[in-house]
Amino acid sequence: MFDDVFGMMSLCTENFRGGVRDSFGASIITDVLEPILMEIDSFRSFNEEFKRHAFNIDQVLEEARAIQLKAFGGAL
């Protein structure tokens, strides 16, 4: 999800950059667009880390369920 947003924002930034002819346009890139790109990139990293943790939690839960089934014979 964030990869798509980052790609679209990068494309928009580059298109805008190609049309910049003055310091005002350059300041929009520096002060607005580039910080937005950095935030989106941070969200991408956070999302990947979240997915890794969620996967690890799912694995531990699955192992706990298997142990529980062995210990109690499936009768709870």
C-alpha atoms as a PDB file:
ATOM      1  CA  MET A   1       0.000   0.000   0.000  1.00  0.00           C
ATOM      2  CA  PHE A   2       2.648   2.530   1.023  1.00  0.00           C
ATOM      3  CA  ASP A   3       4.846   1.422  -1.867  1.00  0.00           C
ATOM      4  CA  ASP A   4       2.139   2.510  -4.305  1.00  0.00           C
ATOM      5  CA  VAL A   5       1.677   5.834  -2.537  1.00  0.00           C
ATOM      6  CA  PHE A   6       5.432   6.396  -2.468  1.00  0.00           C
ATOM      7  CA  GLY A   7       5.701   5.617  -6.179  1.00  0.00           C
ATOM      8  CA  MET A   8       2.878   7.974  -7.067  1.00  0.00           C
ATOM      9  CA  MET A   9       4.284  10.744  -4.881  1.00  0.00           C
ATOM     10  CA  SER A  10       7.756  10.268  -6.357  1.00  0.00           C
ATOM     11  CA  LEU A  11       6.333  10.541  -9.855  1.00  0.00           C
ATOM     12  CA  CYS A  12       4.372  13.684  -8.958  1.00  0.00           C
ATOM     13  CA  THR A  13       7.434  15.213  -7.328  1.00  0.00           C
ATOM     14  CA  GLU A  14       9.600  14.509 -10.363  1.00  0.00           C
ATOM     15  CA  ASN A  15       6.958  15.902 -12.709  1.00  0.00           C
ATOM     16  CA  PHE A  16       6.711  19.033 -10.586  1.00  0.00           C
ATOM     17  CA  ARG A  17      10.517  19.284 -10.364  1.00  0.00           C
ATOM     18  CA  GLY A  18      10.705  19.200 -14.166  1.00  0.00           C
ATOM     19  CA  GLY A  19       8.518  22.293 -14.398  1.00  0.00           C
ATOM     20  CA  VAL A  20      10.174  24.366 -11.672  1.00  0.00           C
ATOM     21  CA  ARG A  21      11.646  27.602 -12.982  1.00  0.00           C
ATOM     22  CA  ASP A  22      12.053  29.741  -9.863  1.00  0.00           C
ATOM     23  CA  SER A  23      13.048  29.681  -6.202  1.00  0.00           C
ATOM     24  CA  PHE A  24       9.416  29.496  -5.065  1.00  0.00           C
ATOM     25  CA  GLY A  25       8.914  26.225  -6.935  1.00  0.00           C
ATOM     26  CA  ALA A  26      12.231  24.936  -5.624  1.00  0.00           C
ATOM     27  CA  SER A  27      11.159  25.779  -2.068  1.00  0.00           C
ATOM     28  CA  ILE A  28       7.935  23.800  -2.544  1.00  0.00           C
ATOM     29  CA  ILE A  29      10.033  20.788  -3.464  1.00  0.00           C
ATOM     30  CA  THR A  30      12.418  21.261  -0.541  1.00  0.00           C
ATOM     31  CA  ASP A  31       9.937  22.330   2.127  1.00  0.00           C
ATOM     32  CA  VAL A  32       6.824  20.355   1.153  1.00  0.00           C
ATOM     33  CA  LEU A  33       7.282  17.520  -1.314  1.00  0.00           C
ATOM     34  CA  GLU A  34      10.556  16.037  -0.064  1.00  0.00           C
ATOM     35  CA  PRO A  35       9.392  15.956   3.596  1.00  0.00           C
ATOM     36  CA  ILE A  36       6.189  14.233   2.463  1.00  0.00           C
ATOM     37  CA  LEU A  37       8.267  11.641   0.605  1.00  0.00           C
ATOM     38  CA  MET A  38      10.359  11.093   3.730  1.00  0.00           C
ATOM     39  CA  GLU A  39       7.214  10.586   5.836  1.00  0.00           C
ATOM     40  CA  ILE A  40       5.778   8.102   3.358  1.00  0.00           C
ATOM     41  CA  ASP A  41       9.093   6.237   3.372  1.00  0.00           C
ATOM     42  CA  SER A  42       8.937   6.112   7.183  1.00  0.00           C
ATOM     43  CA  PHE A  43       5.427   4.680   6.954  1.00  0.00           C
ATOM     44  CA  ARG A  44       6.695   2.049   4.511  1.00  0.00           C
ATOM     45  CA  SER A  45       9.417   1.007   6.952  1.00  0.00           C
ATOM     46  CA  PHE A  46       6.979   0.960   9.868  1.00  0.00           C
ATOM     47  CA  ASN A  47       4.511  -1.123   7.854  1.00  0.00           C
ATOM     48  CA  GLU A  48       7.177  -3.680   6.938  1.00  0.00           C
ATOM     49  CA  GLU A  49       8.277  -3.957  10.569  1.00  0.00           C
ATOM     50  CA  PHE A  50       4.638  -4.347  11.648  1.00  0.00           C
ATOM     51  CA  LYS A  51       4.121  -7.144   9.119  1.00  0.00           C
ATOM     52  CA  ARG A  52       7.233  -8.962  10.374  1.00  0.00           C
ATOM     53  CA  HIS A  53       6.046  -8.731  13.975  1.00  0.00           C
ATOM     54  CA  ALA A  54       2.528  -9.853  13.064  1.00  0.00           C
ATOM     55  CA  PHE A  55       3.950 -12.853  11.188  1.00  0.00           C
ATOM     56  CA  ASN A  56       6.134 -13.797  14.170  1.00  0.00           C
ATOM     57  CA  ILE A  57       3.189 -13.469  16.553  1.00  0.00           C
ATOM     58  CA  ASP A  58       1.064 -15.678  14.305  1.00  0.00           C
ATOM     59  CA  GLN A  59       3.802 -18.317  14.295  1.00  0.00           C
ATOM     60  CA  VAL A  60       4.095 -18.284  18.093  1.00  0.00           C
ATOM     61  CA  LEU A  61       0.315 -18.541  18.465  1.00  0.00           C
ATOM     62  CA  GLU A  62       0.213 -21.458  16.051  1.00  0.00           C
ATOM     63  CA  GLU A  63       2.957 -23.223  18.035  1.00  0.00           C
ATOM     64  CA  ALA A  64       1.086 -22.559  21.287  1.00  0.00           C
ATOM     65  CA  ARG A  65      -2.101 -24.022  19.816  1.00  0.00           C
ATOM     66  CA  ALA A  66      -0.227 -27.130  18.686  1.00  0.00           C
ATOM     67  CA  ILE A  67       1.276 -27.575  22.160  1.00  0.00           C
ATOM     68  CA  GLN A  68      -2.137 -27.068  23.739  1.00  0.00           C
ATOM     69  CA  LEU A  69      -3.689 -29.715  21.491  1.00  0.00           C
ATOM     70  CA  LYS A  70      -0.930 -32.194  22.375  1.00  0.00           C
ATOM     71  CA  ALA A  71      -1.144 -31.462  26.101  1.00  0.00           C
ATOM     72  CA  PHE A  72      -4.913 -31.594  26.417  1.00  0.00           C
ATOM     73  CA  GLY A  73      -5.785 -33.903  23.555  1.00  0.00           C
ATOM     74  CA  GLY A  74      -7.949 -31.285  21.926  1.00  0.00           C
ATOM     75  CA  ALA A  75     -10.473 -31.230  24.795  1.00  0.00           C
ATOM     76  CA  LEU A  76     -10.800 -27.841  26.404  1.00  0.00           C
END
